[in-house]
Amino acid sequence: FRPGHFQGVCQVMKRLLTIVSPRYLFMGQKDYQQCMVVSRLLQLMKSKTELITAPTVRQADGLALSSRNQRLSPGAKQKAAAIYKTLCFTNENIKPGSLSRLQTQAETSLTASGFTVDYLAFSRADTLEPVESWDGETPLVCLVAAFIENVRLIDNMKLSNTAKGTNKTHC
């Protein structure tokens, strides 16, 4: 979704991994795409480093913790919780078939909450391949990037309705 960004991530991570040779690499699931890219990098490097993905830490209202939240006014912080509510909405309403209507509803909800949506996408949880029509079986993740007060916030949710009851969320 950000051309060139993940190539840069891979270059930096490859250097770091080569120099440090860590046994474990801890990353937060908040940036799901980055975790998946680094996981693939570790495979390609045939690295013995084990990637451990930590769950996203959230405020009581669901807003994912991020240093970017400090740049938001108190009012925008309240509105920012709409991202999590929107992710929960997609999780509760996903059904086999075309995802375009659900995507439009979710984007409309974010826009109504004061966001400018960069993207809201459904992707395969294992490959990040975009999914426009869901087969009812493949595990999915909903990925969101949206601006409020010129601050870009990202979040995601593995959709539990797509994983036969696994990865249950706490919406």
C-alpha atoms as a PDB file:
ATOM      1  CA  PHE A   1       0.000   0.000   0.000  1.00  0.00           C
ATOM      2  CA  ARG A   2       3.043   2.273   0.352  1.00  0.00           C
ATOM      3  CA  PRO A   3       5.298   1.721  -2.673  1.00  0.00           C
ATOM      4  CA  GLY A   4       8.918   1.213  -1.663  1.00  0.00           C
ATOM      5  CA  HIS A   5       8.254   1.297   2.087  1.00  0.00           C
ATOM      6  CA  PHE A   6       8.631  -2.407   2.731  1.00  0.00           C
ATOM      7  CA  GLN A   7      11.725  -2.680   0.520  1.00  0.00           C
ATOM      8  CA  GLY A   8      13.319  -0.141   2.862  1.00  0.00           C
ATOM      9  CA  VAL A   9      12.125  -2.103   5.891  1.00  0.00           C
ATOM     10  CA  CYS A  10      13.718  -5.247   4.441  1.00  0.00           C
ATOM     11  CA  GLN A  11      17.036  -3.516   3.762  1.00  0.00           C
ATOM     12  CA  VAL A  12      17.255  -2.183   7.315  1.00  0.00           C
ATOM     13  CA  MET A  13      16.075  -5.438   8.909  1.00  0.00           C
ATOM     14  CA  LYS A  14      18.471  -7.542   6.821  1.00  0.00           C
ATOM     15  CA  ARG A  15      21.404  -5.396   7.963  1.00  0.00           C
ATOM     16  CA  LEU A  16      20.253  -5.544  11.577  1.00  0.00           C
ATOM     17  CA  LEU A  17      19.736  -9.306  11.505  1.00  0.00           C
ATOM     18  CA  THR A  18      23.101  -9.887   9.823  1.00  0.00           C
ATOM     19  CA  ILE A  19      24.988  -7.736  12.341  1.00  0.00           C
ATOM     20  CA  VAL A  20      23.173  -8.790  15.515  1.00  0.00           C
ATOM     21  CA  SER A  21      22.138 -12.389  14.683  1.00  0.00           C
ATOM     22  CA  PRO A  22      19.431 -12.403  17.361  1.00  0.00           C
ATOM     23  CA  ARG A  23      17.868 -15.604  18.593  1.00  0.00           C
ATOM     24  CA  TYR A  24      14.488 -13.856  18.869  1.00  0.00           C
ATOM     25  CA  LEU A  25      12.942 -10.853  17.153  1.00  0.00           C
ATOM     26  CA  PHE A  26       9.943  -9.273  18.859  1.00  0.00           C
ATOM     27  CA  MET A  27       7.520  -7.186  16.802  1.00  0.00           C
ATOM     28  CA  GLY A  28       4.079  -5.803  17.480  1.00  0.00           C
ATOM     29  CA  GLN A  29       1.078  -7.049  15.525  1.00  0.00           C
ATOM     30  CA  LYS A  30      -0.157  -3.460  15.262  1.00  0.00           C
ATOM     31  CA  ASP A  31       1.850  -3.247  12.048  1.00  0.00           C
ATOM     32  CA  TYR A  32       0.649  -6.591  10.707  1.00  0.00           C
ATOM     33  CA  GLN A  33       1.981  -5.992   7.207  1.00  0.00           C
ATOM     34  CA  GLN A  34       5.468  -5.248   8.487  1.00  0.00           C
ATOM     35  CA  CYS A  35       5.414  -8.397  10.634  1.00  0.00           C
ATOM     36  CA  MET A  36       4.461 -10.481   7.608  1.00  0.00           C
ATOM     37  CA  VAL A  37       7.149  -8.890   5.430  1.00  0.00           C
ATOM     38  CA  VAL A  38       9.822  -9.496   8.080  1.00  0.00           C
ATOM     39  CA  SER A  39       8.591 -13.070   8.547  1.00  0.00           C
ATOM     40  CA  ARG A  40       9.050 -13.659   4.824  1.00  0.00           C
ATOM     41  CA  LEU A  41      12.482 -11.993   4.933  1.00  0.00           C
ATOM     42  CA  LEU A  42      13.551 -14.384   7.698  1.00  0.00           C
ATOM     43  CA  GLN A  43      12.446 -17.318   5.513  1.00  0.00           C
ATOM     44  CA  LEU A  44      14.326 -16.025   2.475  1.00  0.00           C
ATOM     45  CA  MET A  45      17.459 -15.443   4.569  1.00  0.00           C
ATOM     46  CA  LYS A  46      17.104 -18.955   6.026  1.00  0.00           C
ATOM     47  CA  SER A  47      17.559 -17.213   9.351  1.00  0.00           C
ATOM     48  CA  LYS A  48      17.463 -19.091  12.635  1.00  0.00           C
ATOM     49  CA  THR A  49      15.951 -16.005  14.275  1.00  0.00           C
ATOM     50  CA  GLU A  50      12.498 -16.702  15.680  1.00  0.00           C
ATOM     51  CA  LEU A  51       9.925 -13.957  15.086  1.00  0.00           C
ATOM     52  CA  ILE A  52       7.640 -13.458  18.061  1.00  0.00           C
ATOM     53  CA  THR A  53       4.639 -11.274  17.343  1.00  0.00           C
ATOM     54  CA  ALA A  54       3.186  -9.453  20.327  1.00  0.00           C
ATOM     55  CA  PRO A  55      -0.531  -8.605  20.344  1.00  0.00           C
ATOM     56  CA  THR A  56      -1.602  -5.018  19.829  1.00  0.00           C
ATOM     57  CA  VAL A  57      -1.964  -3.135  23.101  1.00  0.00           C
ATOM     58  CA  ARG A  58      -5.093  -0.989  23.218  1.00  0.00           C
ATOM     59  CA  GLN A  59      -6.595   1.717  25.362  1.00  0.00           C
ATOM     60  CA  ALA A  60      -9.916   0.947  27.060  1.00  0.00           C
ATOM     61  CA  ASP A  61     -11.799   2.419  24.065  1.00  0.00           C
ATOM     62  CA  GLY A  62      -9.916   0.169  21.628  1.00  0.00           C
ATOM     63  CA  LEU A  63      -7.470   2.729  20.227  1.00  0.00           C
ATOM     64  CA  ALA A  64      -4.186   0.971  19.460  1.00  0.00           C
ATOM     65  CA  LEU A  65      -1.288   2.416  21.434  1.00  0.00           C
ATOM     66  CA  SER A  66       1.079   4.382  19.225  1.00  0.00           C
ATOM     67  CA  SER A  67       3.543   7.229  19.639  1.00  0.00           C
ATOM     68  CA  ARG A  68       1.514   9.001  16.946  1.00  0.00           C
ATOM     69  CA  ASN A  69      -1.425   9.289  19.351  1.00  0.00           C
ATOM     70  CA  GLN A  70       0.534  12.010  21.191  1.00  0.00           C
ATOM     71  CA  ARG A  71       0.108  14.233  18.141  1.00  0.00           C
ATOM     72  CA  LEU A  72      -3.696  14.083  18.402  1.00  0.00           C
ATOM     73  CA  SER A  73      -5.885  16.573  20.230  1.00  0.00           C
ATOM     74  CA  PRO A  74      -8.071  15.111  23.009  1.00  0.00           C
ATOM     75  CA  GLY A  75     -11.075  15.290  20.661  1.00  0.00           C
ATOM     76  CA  ALA A  76      -9.253  13.478  17.868  1.00  0.00           C
ATOM     77  CA  LYS A  77      -8.094  10.784  20.301  1.00  0.00           C
ATOM     78  CA  GLN A  78     -11.735  10.119  21.160  1.00  0.00           C
ATOM     79  CA  LYS A  79     -12.648   9.954  17.474  1.00  0.00           C
ATOM     80  CA  ALA A  80      -9.652   7.714  16.732  1.00  0.00           C
ATOM     81  CA  ALA A  81     -11.305   4.849  18.606  1.00  0.00           C
ATOM     82  CA  ALA A  82     -13.608   4.619  15.563  1.00  0.00           C
ATOM     83  CA  ILE A  83     -10.881   2.648  13.783  1.00  0.00           C
ATOM     84  CA  TYR A  84     -11.209  -0.211  16.267  1.00  0.00           C
ATOM     85  CA  LYS A  85     -15.003   0.002  16.199  1.00  0.00           C
ATOM     86  CA  THR A  86     -14.862  -0.224  12.412  1.00  0.00           C
ATOM     87  CA  LEU A  87     -12.578  -3.255  12.568  1.00  0.00           C
ATOM     88  CA  CYS A  88     -15.029  -4.888  14.980  1.00  0.00           C
ATOM     89  CA  PHE A  89     -17.873  -4.047  12.590  1.00  0.00           C
ATOM     90  CA  THR A  90     -16.079  -5.797   9.719  1.00  0.00           C
ATOM     91  CA  ASN A  91     -15.384  -8.807  11.936  1.00  0.00           C
ATOM     92  CA  GLU A  92     -19.031  -9.075  12.972  1.00  0.00           C
ATOM     93  CA  ASN A  93     -20.467  -8.571   9.481  1.00  0.00           C
ATOM     94  CA  ILE A  94     -18.189 -10.448   7.101  1.00  0.00           C
ATOM     95  CA  LYS A  95     -19.938 -13.098   5.009  1.00  0.00           C
ATOM     96  CA  PRO A  96     -18.830 -15.239   2.074  1.00  0.00           C
ATOM     97  CA  GLY A  97     -19.021 -13.480  -1.274  1.00  0.00           C
ATOM     98  CA  SER A  98     -18.096 -10.007  -2.431  1.00  0.00           C
ATOM     99  CA  LEU A  99     -16.512  -7.796   0.235  1.00  0.00           C
ATOM    100  CA  SER A 100     -17.056  -4.516  -1.623  1.00  0.00           C
ATOM    101  CA  ARG A 101     -20.247  -3.563   0.244  1.00  0.00           C
ATOM    102  CA  LEU A 102     -18.675  -4.257   3.648  1.00  0.00           C
ATOM    103  CA  GLN A 103     -15.578  -2.318   2.615  1.00  0.00           C
ATOM    104  CA  THR A 104     -17.695   0.659   1.526  1.00  0.00           C
ATOM    105  CA  GLN A 105     -19.685   0.580   4.784  1.00  0.00           C
ATOM    106  CA  ALA A 106     -16.482   0.486   6.830  1.00  0.00           C
ATOM    107  CA  GLU A 107     -14.860   3.317   4.862  1.00  0.00           C
ATOM    108  CA  THR A 108     -18.047   5.393   5.158  1.00  0.00           C
ATOM    109  CA  SER A 109     -18.073   4.842   8.919  1.00  0.00           C
ATOM    110  CA  LEU A 110     -14.483   6.065   9.230  1.00  0.00           C
ATOM    111  CA  THR A 111     -15.161   9.090   7.037  1.00  0.00           C
ATOM    112  CA  ALA A 112     -18.225   9.968   9.130  1.00  0.00           C
ATOM    113  CA  SER A 113     -15.993   9.828  12.219  1.00  0.00           C
ATOM    114  CA  GLY A 114     -13.683  12.482  10.768  1.00  0.00           C
ATOM    115  CA  PHE A 115     -11.056  10.328   9.042  1.00  0.00           C
ATOM    116  CA  THR A 116      -9.586  10.538   5.585  1.00  0.00           C
ATOM    117  CA  VAL A 117      -9.150   6.898   4.634  1.00  0.00           C
ATOM    118  CA  ASP A 118      -5.820   5.995   3.051  1.00  0.00           C
ATOM    119  CA  TYR A 119      -6.907   2.373   2.701  1.00  0.00           C
ATOM    120  CA  LEU A 120      -9.178  -0.213   4.225  1.00  0.00           C
ATOM    121  CA  ALA A 121      -8.456  -3.604   2.735  1.00  0.00           C
ATOM    122  CA  PHE A 122      -9.205  -7.262   3.238  1.00  0.00           C
ATOM    123  CA  SER A 123      -6.211  -9.522   2.683  1.00  0.00           C
ATOM    124  CA  ARG A 124      -5.278 -13.136   3.187  1.00  0.00           C
ATOM    125  CA  ALA A 125      -3.857 -13.376   6.697  1.00  0.00           C
ATOM    126  CA  ASP A 126      -1.015 -15.637   5.536  1.00  0.00           C
ATOM    127  CA  THR A 127       0.151 -13.858   2.362  1.00  0.00           C
ATOM    128  CA  LEU A 128      -1.358 -10.336   2.454  1.00  0.00           C
ATOM    129  CA  GLU A 129      -2.821 -11.024  -0.989  1.00  0.00           C
ATOM    130  CA  PRO A 130      -5.842  -8.710  -1.448  1.00  0.00           C
ATOM    131  CA  VAL A 131      -9.227 -10.441  -1.303  1.00  0.00           C
ATOM    132  CA  GLU A 132     -12.262  -8.955  -3.053  1.00  0.00           C
ATOM    133  CA  SER A 133     -14.513 -11.984  -2.755  1.00  0.00           C
ATOM    134  CA  TRP A 134     -14.253 -14.280   0.246  1.00  0.00           C
ATOM    135  CA  ASP A 135     -14.706 -18.049  -0.061  1.00  0.00           C
ATOM    136  CA  GLY A 136     -15.926 -18.415   3.523  1.00  0.00           C
ATOM    137  CA  GLU A 137     -12.823 -20.401   4.533  1.00  0.00           C
ATOM    138  CA  THR A 138      -9.618 -18.439   3.977  1.00  0.00           C
ATOM    139  CA  PRO A 139      -8.396 -16.587   7.104  1.00  0.00           C
ATOM    140  CA  LEU A 140      -8.455 -12.837   6.483  1.00  0.00           C
ATOM    141  CA  VAL A 141      -7.081  -9.705   8.066  1.00  0.00           C
ATOM    142  CA  CYS A 142      -8.645  -6.262   7.728  1.00  0.00           C
ATOM    143  CA  LEU A 143      -5.969  -3.573   7.336  1.00  0.00           C
ATOM    144  CA  VAL A 144      -6.650   0.121   7.919  1.00  0.00           C
ATOM    145  CA  ALA A 145      -4.645   3.299   7.448  1.00  0.00           C
ATOM    146  CA  ALA A 146      -6.459   6.591   7.928  1.00  0.00           C
ATOM    147  CA  PHE A 147      -5.646  10.212   8.689  1.00  0.00           C
ATOM    148  CA  ILE A 148      -7.137  12.380  11.402  1.00  0.00           C
ATOM    149  CA  GLU A 149      -5.677  15.837  12.112  1.00  0.00           C
ATOM    150  CA  ASN A 150      -2.999  15.009   9.509  1.00  0.00           C
ATOM    151  CA  VAL A 151      -1.814  12.074  11.635  1.00  0.00           C
ATOM    152  CA  ARG A 152      -1.721   8.711   9.874  1.00  0.00           C
ATOM    153  CA  LEU A 153      -2.962   5.905  12.106  1.00  0.00           C
ATOM    154  CA  ILE A 154      -2.768   2.220  11.248  1.00  0.00           C
ATOM    155  CA  ASP A 155      -4.531  -0.769  12.740  1.00  0.00           C
ATOM    156  CA  ASN A 156      -5.663  -4.236  11.769  1.00  0.00           C
ATOM    157  CA  MET A 157      -7.672  -7.196  12.929  1.00  0.00           C
ATOM    158  CA  LYS A 158      -7.525 -10.850  12.051  1.00  0.00           C
ATOM    159  CA  LEU A 159     -11.153 -11.562  11.302  1.00  0.00           C
ATOM    160  CA  SER A 160     -12.244 -14.360  13.617  1.00  0.00           C
ATOM    161  CA  ASN A 161     -15.277 -15.238  11.519  1.00  0.00           C
ATOM    162  CA  THR A 162     -12.794 -16.246   8.811  1.00  0.00           C
ATOM    163  CA  ALA A 163     -10.713 -18.540  10.997  1.00  0.00           C
ATOM    164  CA  LYS A 164     -13.329 -20.993  12.263  1.00  0.00           C
ATOM    165  CA  GLY A 165     -13.382 -19.552  15.755  1.00  0.00           C
ATOM    166  CA  THR A 166      -9.648 -19.014  16.165  1.00  0.00           C
ATOM    167  CA  ASN A 167      -8.043 -15.657  16.900  1.00  0.00           C
ATOM    168  CA  LYS A 168     -11.146 -14.452  18.705  1.00  0.00           C
ATOM    169  CA  THR A 169     -11.249 -10.717  19.144  1.00  0.00           C
ATOM    170  CA  HIS A 170     -12.603  -8.858  22.119  1.00  0.00           C
ATOM    171  CA  CYS A 171     -14.860  -6.316  20.451  1.00  0.00           C
END
